[in-house]
Amino acid sequence: MRLDESASRRTHAKIVVIDSRVVFIGSHNWTESALSYNHEASLMVCSQDVAEDLEGYIQSIWSSGRPV
């Protein structure tokens, strides 16, 4: 677990990368309420290039974060 690089910044990205090829990105939280009752928008993208870009983005956030 890591914290954002400063207390004044919050990561709010909702990104799932599966097998470096499938990406889910959007507004919804991964809760029963969000998936069943809320008005949410998310997108599934099947692209190795997009998945690799987002994996790099996630890794950059992780590597610049503070340890808990």
PDB file of N, CA and C in Angstrom:
ATOM      1  N   MET A   1       0.849  -1.170   0.000  1.00  0.00           N
ATOM      2  CA  MET A   1       0.000   0.000   0.000  1.00  0.00           C
ATOM      3  C   MET A   1       0.893   1.231   0.000  1.00  0.00           C
ATOM      4  N   ARG A   2       0.465   2.259  -0.713  1.00  0.00           N
ATOM      5  CA  ARG A   2       1.206   3.512  -0.794  1.00  0.00           C
ATOM      6  C   ARG A   2       0.216   4.670  -0.673  1.00  0.00           C
ATOM      7  N   LEU A   3       0.729   5.799  -0.260  1.00  0.00           N
ATOM      8  CA  LEU A   3      -0.032   7.045  -0.216  1.00  0.00           C
ATOM      9  C   LEU A   3       0.421   7.922  -1.368  1.00  0.00           C
ATOM     10  N   ASP A   4      -0.408   8.888  -1.750  1.00  0.00           N
ATOM     11  CA  ASP A   4       0.017   9.835  -2.781  1.00  0.00           C
ATOM     12  C   ASP A   4       1.265  10.565  -2.344  1.00  0.00           C
ATOM     13  N   GLU A   5       1.972  11.159  -3.310  1.00  0.00           N
ATOM     14  CA  GLU A   5       3.264  11.772  -3.011  1.00  0.00           C
ATOM     15  C   GLU A   5       3.182  12.935  -2.032  1.00  0.00           C
ATOM     16  N   SER A   6       2.018  13.548  -1.903  1.00  0.00           N
ATOM     17  CA  SER A   6       1.849  14.596  -0.892  1.00  0.00           C
ATOM     18  C   SER A   6       0.440  14.504  -0.321  1.00  0.00           C
ATOM     19  N   ALA A   7       0.266  15.026   0.873  1.00  0.00           N
ATOM     20  CA  ALA A   7      -1.046  14.984   1.527  1.00  0.00           C
ATOM     21  C   ALA A   7      -2.069  15.848   0.801  1.00  0.00           C
ATOM     22  N   SER A   8      -1.617  16.760  -0.047  1.00  0.00           N
ATOM     23  CA  SER A   8      -2.544  17.643  -0.761  1.00  0.00           C
ATOM     24  C   SER A   8      -3.046  17.037  -2.079  1.00  0.00           C
ATOM     25  N   ARG A   9      -2.583  15.860  -2.442  1.00  0.00           N
ATOM     26  CA  ARG A   9      -2.986  15.221  -3.696  1.00  0.00           C
ATOM     27  C   ARG A   9      -3.692  13.917  -3.398  1.00  0.00           C
ATOM     28  N   ARG A  10      -4.765  13.655  -4.141  1.00  0.00           N
ATOM     29  CA  ARG A  10      -5.525  12.412  -3.984  1.00  0.00           C
ATOM     30  C   ARG A  10      -5.676  11.737  -5.348  1.00  0.00           C
ATOM     31  N   THR A  11      -5.311  10.481  -5.414  1.00  0.00           N
ATOM     32  CA  THR A  11      -5.554   9.711  -6.626  1.00  0.00           C
ATOM     33  C   THR A  11      -7.014   9.270  -6.611  1.00  0.00           C
ATOM     34  N   HIS A  12      -7.721   9.560  -7.686  1.00  0.00           N
ATOM     35  CA  HIS A  12      -9.135   9.210  -7.780  1.00  0.00           C
ATOM     36  C   HIS A  12      -9.409   8.407  -9.055  1.00  0.00           C
ATOM     37  N   ALA A  13      -8.372   7.859  -9.633  1.00  0.00           N
ATOM     38  CA  ALA A  13      -8.489   7.105 -10.876  1.00  0.00           C
ATOM     39  C   ALA A  13      -9.147   5.756 -10.614  1.00  0.00           C
ATOM     40  N   LYS A  14     -10.038   5.393 -11.498  1.00  0.00           N
ATOM     41  CA  LYS A  14     -10.668   4.077 -11.437  1.00  0.00           C
ATOM     42  C   LYS A  14     -10.272   3.341 -12.711  1.00  0.00           C
ATOM     43  N   ILE A  15      -9.211   2.562 -12.590  1.00  0.00           N
ATOM     44  CA  ILE A  15      -8.638   1.872 -13.739  1.00  0.00           C
ATOM     45  C   ILE A  15      -8.383   0.426 -13.354  1.00  0.00           C
ATOM     46  N   VAL A  16      -8.777  -0.488 -14.225  1.00  0.00           N
ATOM     47  CA  VAL A  16      -8.451  -1.899 -14.063  1.00  0.00           C
ATOM     48  C   VAL A  16      -7.797  -2.343 -15.361  1.00  0.00           C
ATOM     49  N   VAL A  17      -6.633  -2.974 -15.243  1.00  0.00           N
ATOM     50  CA  VAL A  17      -5.936  -3.525 -16.409  1.00  0.00           C
ATOM     51  C   VAL A  17      -5.849  -5.032 -16.208  1.00  0.00           C
ATOM     52  N   ILE A  18      -6.327  -5.776 -17.199  1.00  0.00           N
ATOM     53  CA  ILE A  18      -6.352  -7.232 -17.125  1.00  0.00           C
ATOM     54  C   ILE A  18      -5.461  -7.803 -18.214  1.00  0.00           C
ATOM     55  N   ASP A  19      -4.506  -8.619 -17.817  1.00  0.00           N
ATOM     56  CA  ASP A  19      -3.630  -9.335 -18.748  1.00  0.00           C
ATOM     57  C   ASP A  19      -2.922  -8.410 -19.741  1.00  0.00           C
ATOM     58  N   SER A  20      -2.617  -7.191 -19.318  1.00  0.00           N
ATOM     59  CA  SER A  20      -1.909  -6.223 -20.166  1.00  0.00           C
ATOM     60  C   SER A  20      -2.579  -6.027 -21.526  1.00  0.00           C
ATOM     61  N   ARG A  21      -3.914  -6.194 -21.553  1.00  0.00           N
ATOM     62  CA  ARG A  21      -4.627  -6.075 -22.822  1.00  0.00           C
ATOM     63  C   ARG A  21      -6.011  -5.466 -22.701  1.00  0.00           C
ATOM     64  N   VAL A  22      -6.726  -5.755 -21.623  1.00  0.00           N
ATOM     65  CA  VAL A  22      -8.089  -5.262 -21.437  1.00  0.00           C
ATOM     66  C   VAL A  22      -8.075  -4.211 -20.331  1.00  0.00           C
ATOM     67  N   VAL A  23      -8.710  -3.070 -20.602  1.00  0.00           N
ATOM     68  CA  VAL A  23      -8.745  -1.962 -19.647  1.00  0.00           C
ATOM     69  C   VAL A  23     -10.192  -1.583 -19.386  1.00  0.00           C
ATOM     70  N   PHE A  24     -10.513  -1.396 -18.110  1.00  0.00           N
ATOM     71  CA  PHE A  24     -11.764  -0.761 -17.713  1.00  0.00           C
ATOM     72  C   PHE A  24     -11.378   0.566 -17.082  1.00  0.00           C
ATOM     73  N   ILE A  25     -11.976   1.641 -17.569  1.00  0.00           N
ATOM     74  CA  ILE A  25     -11.688   2.969 -17.035  1.00  0.00           C
ATOM     75  C   ILE A  25     -12.989   3.756 -17.020  1.00  0.00           C
ATOM     76  N   GLY A  26     -13.245   4.457 -15.917  1.00  0.00           N
ATOM     77  CA  GLY A  26     -14.485   5.208 -15.844  1.00  0.00           C
ATOM     78  C   GLY A  26     -14.744   5.810 -14.488  1.00  0.00           C
ATOM     79  N   SER A  27     -15.997   6.171 -14.275  1.00  0.00           N
ATOM     80  CA  SER A  27     -16.370   6.919 -13.076  1.00  0.00           C
ATOM     81  C   SER A  27     -16.810   6.042 -11.915  1.00  0.00           C
ATOM     82  N   HIS A  28     -17.154   4.812 -12.170  1.00  0.00           N
ATOM     83  CA  HIS A  28     -17.809   4.040 -11.118  1.00  0.00           C
ATOM     84  C   HIS A  28     -16.838   3.465 -10.089  1.00  0.00           C
ATOM     85  N   ASN A  29     -17.351   3.393  -8.871  1.00  0.00           N
ATOM     86  CA  ASN A  29     -16.663   2.666  -7.818  1.00  0.00           C
ATOM     87  C   ASN A  29     -17.045   1.197  -7.969  1.00  0.00           C
ATOM     88  N   TRP A  30     -16.214   0.323  -7.458  1.00  0.00           N
ATOM     89  CA  TRP A  30     -16.462  -1.109  -7.576  1.00  0.00           C
ATOM     90  C   TRP A  30     -17.228  -1.606  -6.352  1.00  0.00           C
ATOM     91  N   THR A  31     -18.438  -1.077  -6.206  1.00  0.00           N
ATOM     92  CA  THR A  31     -19.314  -1.465  -5.105  1.00  0.00           C
ATOM     93  C   THR A  31     -20.647  -1.926  -5.679  1.00  0.00           C
ATOM     94  N   GLU A  32     -21.392  -2.687  -4.894  1.00  0.00           N
ATOM     95  CA  GLU A  32     -22.713  -3.136  -5.338  1.00  0.00           C
ATOM     96  C   GLU A  32     -23.614  -1.942  -5.648  1.00  0.00           C
ATOM     97  N   SER A  33     -23.580  -0.939  -4.789  1.00  0.00           N
ATOM     98  CA  SER A  33     -24.412   0.242  -4.988  1.00  0.00           C
ATOM     99  C   SER A  33     -24.086   0.932  -6.310  1.00  0.00           C
ATOM    100  N   ALA A  34     -22.816   1.161  -6.558  1.00  0.00           N
ATOM    101  CA  ALA A  34     -22.422   1.847  -7.791  1.00  0.00           C
ATOM    102  C   ALA A  34     -22.794   1.035  -9.020  1.00  0.00           C
ATOM    103  N   LEU A  35     -22.595  -0.272  -8.942  1.00  0.00           N
ATOM    104  CA  LEU A  35     -22.857  -1.118 -10.101  1.00  0.00           C
ATOM    105  C   LEU A  35     -24.340  -1.398 -10.309  1.00  0.00           C
ATOM    106  N   SER A  36     -25.154  -1.260  -9.254  1.00  0.00           N
ATOM    107  CA  SER A  36     -26.571  -1.592  -9.365  1.00  0.00           C
ATOM    108  C   SER A  36     -27.506  -0.386  -9.408  1.00  0.00           C
ATOM    109  N   TYR A  37     -27.131   0.694  -8.721  1.00  0.00           N
ATOM    110  CA  TYR A  37     -28.096   1.779  -8.522  1.00  0.00           C
ATOM    111  C   TYR A  37     -27.656   3.138  -9.056  1.00  0.00           C
ATOM    112  N   ASN A  38     -26.382   3.386  -9.150  1.00  0.00           N
ATOM    113  CA  ASN A  38     -25.914   4.718  -9.546  1.00  0.00           C
ATOM    114  C   ASN A  38     -25.876   4.878 -11.054  1.00  0.00           C
ATOM    115  N   HIS A  39     -25.871   6.105 -11.494  1.00  0.00           N
ATOM    116  CA  HIS A  39     -25.630   6.429 -12.895  1.00  0.00           C
ATOM    117  C   HIS A  39     -24.132   6.594 -13.060  1.00  0.00           C
ATOM    118  N   GLU A  40     -23.500   5.624 -13.679  1.00  0.00           N
ATOM    119  CA  GLU A  40     -22.055   5.616 -13.843  1.00  0.00           C
ATOM    120  C   GLU A  40     -21.721   5.454 -15.317  1.00  0.00           C
ATOM    121  N   ALA A  41     -20.511   5.806 -15.673  1.00  0.00           N
ATOM    122  CA  ALA A  41     -20.044   5.623 -17.043  1.00  0.00           C
ATOM    123  C   ALA A  41     -18.639   5.041 -17.000  1.00  0.00           C
ATOM    124  N   SER A  42     -18.470   3.925 -17.674  1.00  0.00           N
ATOM    125  CA  SER A  42     -17.158   3.305 -17.776  1.00  0.00           C
ATOM    126  C   SER A  42     -17.010   2.715 -19.158  1.00  0.00           C
ATOM    127  N   LEU A  43     -15.770   2.452 -19.510  1.00  0.00           N
ATOM    128  CA  LEU A  43     -15.458   1.995 -20.854  1.00  0.00           C
ATOM    129  C   LEU A  43     -14.512   0.818 -20.772  1.00  0.00           C
ATOM    130  N   MET A  44     -14.776  -0.206 -21.573  1.00  0.00           N
ATOM    131  CA  MET A  44     -13.841  -1.309 -21.712  1.00  0.00           C
ATOM    132  C   MET A  44     -13.088  -1.109 -23.021  1.00  0.00           C
ATOM    133  N   VAL A  45     -11.765  -1.162 -22.941  1.00  0.00           N
ATOM    134  CA  VAL A  45     -10.924  -1.004 -24.118  1.00  0.00           C
ATOM    135  C   VAL A  45     -10.064  -2.253 -24.229  1.00  0.00           C
ATOM    136  N   CYS A  46     -10.089  -2.886 -25.380  1.00  0.00           N
ATOM    137  CA  CYS A  46      -9.224  -4.040 -25.643  1.00  0.00           C
ATOM    138  C   CYS A  46      -8.089  -3.566 -26.534  1.00  0.00           C
ATOM    139  N   SER A  47      -6.980  -3.221 -25.902  1.00  0.00           N
ATOM    140  CA  SER A  47      -5.834  -2.688 -26.638  1.00  0.00           C
ATOM    141  C   SER A  47      -4.579  -2.868 -25.796  1.00  0.00           C
ATOM    142  N   GLN A  48      -3.622  -3.589 -26.338  1.00  0.00           N
ATOM    143  CA  GLN A  48      -2.365  -3.773 -25.625  1.00  0.00           C
ATOM    144  C   GLN A  48      -1.646  -2.435 -25.455  1.00  0.00           C
ATOM    145  N   ASP A  49      -1.693  -1.564 -26.469  1.00  0.00           N
ATOM    146  CA  ASP A  49      -1.039  -0.250 -26.375  1.00  0.00           C
ATOM    147  C   ASP A  49      -1.642   0.599 -25.259  1.00  0.00           C
ATOM    148  N   VAL A  50      -2.967   0.667 -25.195  1.00  0.00           N
ATOM    149  CA  VAL A  50      -3.633   1.444 -24.138  1.00  0.00           C
ATOM    150  C   VAL A  50      -3.327   0.841 -22.777  1.00  0.00           C
ATOM    151  N   ALA A  51      -3.390  -0.487 -22.685  1.00  0.00           N
ATOM    152  CA  ALA A  51      -3.108  -1.157 -21.413  1.00  0.00           C
ATOM    153  C   ALA A  51      -1.684  -0.860 -20.952  1.00  0.00           C
ATOM    154  N   GLU A  52      -0.717  -0.917 -21.854  1.00  0.00           N
ATOM    155  CA  GLU A  52       0.664  -0.637 -21.481  1.00  0.00           C
ATOM    156  C   GLU A  52       0.837   0.811 -21.034  1.00  0.00           C
ATOM    157  N   ASP A  53       0.190   1.748 -21.727  1.00  0.00           N
ATOM    158  CA  ASP A  53       0.257   3.157 -21.318  1.00  0.00           C
ATOM    159  C   ASP A  53      -0.305   3.344 -19.910  1.00  0.00           C
ATOM    160  N   LEU A  54      -1.448   2.734 -19.644  1.00  0.00           N
ATOM    161  CA  LEU A  54      -2.060   2.873 -18.328  1.00  0.00           C
ATOM    162  C   LEU A  54      -1.268   2.144 -17.242  1.00  0.00           C
ATOM    163  N   GLU A  55      -0.679   1.020 -17.572  1.00  0.00           N
ATOM    164  CA  GLU A  55       0.194   0.352 -16.599  1.00  0.00           C
ATOM    165  C   GLU A  55       1.372   1.259 -16.233  1.00  0.00           C
ATOM    166  N   GLY A  56       1.929   1.969 -17.223  1.00  0.00           N
ATOM    167  CA  GLY A  56       3.000   2.920 -16.955  1.00  0.00           C
ATOM    168  C   GLY A  56       2.535   4.066 -16.083  1.00  0.00           C
ATOM    169  N   TYR A  57       1.328   4.549 -16.344  1.00  0.00           N
ATOM    170  CA  TYR A  57       0.743   5.636 -15.546  1.00  0.00           C
ATOM    171  C   TYR A  57       0.560   5.188 -14.096  1.00  0.00           C
ATOM    172  N   ILE A  58       0.004   4.004 -13.907  1.00  0.00           N
ATOM    173  CA  ILE A  58      -0.210   3.475 -12.558  1.00  0.00           C
ATOM    174  C   ILE A  58       1.133   3.282 -11.856  1.00  0.00           C
ATOM    175  N   GLN A  59       2.112   2.745 -12.575  1.00  0.00           N
ATOM    176  CA  GLN A  59       3.436   2.527 -11.982  1.00  0.00           C
ATOM    177  C   GLN A  59       4.087   3.847 -11.583  1.00  0.00           C
ATOM    178  N   SER A  60       3.894   4.903 -12.373  1.00  0.00           N
ATOM    179  CA  SER A  60       4.490   6.204 -12.021  1.00  0.00           C
ATOM    180  C   SER A  60       3.851   6.774 -10.754  1.00  0.00           C
ATOM    181  N   ILE A  61       2.554   6.583 -10.593  1.00  0.00           N
ATOM    182  CA  ILE A  61       1.891   7.023  -9.365  1.00  0.00           C
ATOM    183  C   ILE A  61       2.433   6.221  -8.180  1.00  0.00           C
ATOM    184  N   TRP A  62       2.536   4.913  -8.354  1.00  0.00           N
ATOM    185  CA  TRP A  62       3.022   4.037  -7.284  1.00  0.00           C
ATOM    186  C   TRP A  62       4.454   4.405  -6.893  1.00  0.00           C
ATOM    187  N   SER A  63       5.323   4.586  -7.871  1.00  0.00           N
ATOM    188  CA  SER A  63       6.731   4.818  -7.564  1.00  0.00           C
ATOM    189  C   SER A  63       6.975   6.187  -6.925  1.00  0.00           C
ATOM    190  N   SER A  64       6.099   7.146  -7.186  1.00  0.00           N
ATOM    191  CA  SER A  64       6.277   8.470  -6.573  1.00  0.00           C
ATOM    192  C   SER A  64       5.549   8.584  -5.239  1.00  0.00           C
ATOM    193  N   GLY A  65       4.816   7.545  -4.863  1.00  0.00           N
ATOM    194  CA  GLY A  65       4.035   7.582  -3.633  1.00  0.00           C
ATOM    195  C   GLY A  65       4.881   7.422  -2.381  1.00  0.00           C
ATOM    196  N   ARG A  66       4.248   7.736  -1.263  1.00  0.00           N
ATOM    197  CA  ARG A  66       4.888   7.603   0.055  1.00  0.00           C
ATOM    198  C   ARG A  66       4.502   6.274   0.670  1.00  0.00           C
ATOM    199  N   PRO A  67       5.449   5.607   1.337  1.00  0.00           N
ATOM    200  CA  PRO A  67       5.087   4.369   2.023  1.00  0.00           C
ATOM    201  C   PRO A  67       4.153   4.647   3.193  1.00  0.00           C
ATOM    202  N   VAL A  68       3.320   3.693   3.504  1.00  0.00           N
ATOM    203  CA  VAL A  68       2.386   3.822   4.635  1.00  0.00           C
ATOM    204  C   VAL A  68       3.137   3.599   5.925  1.00  0.00           C
TER     205      VAL A  68
END
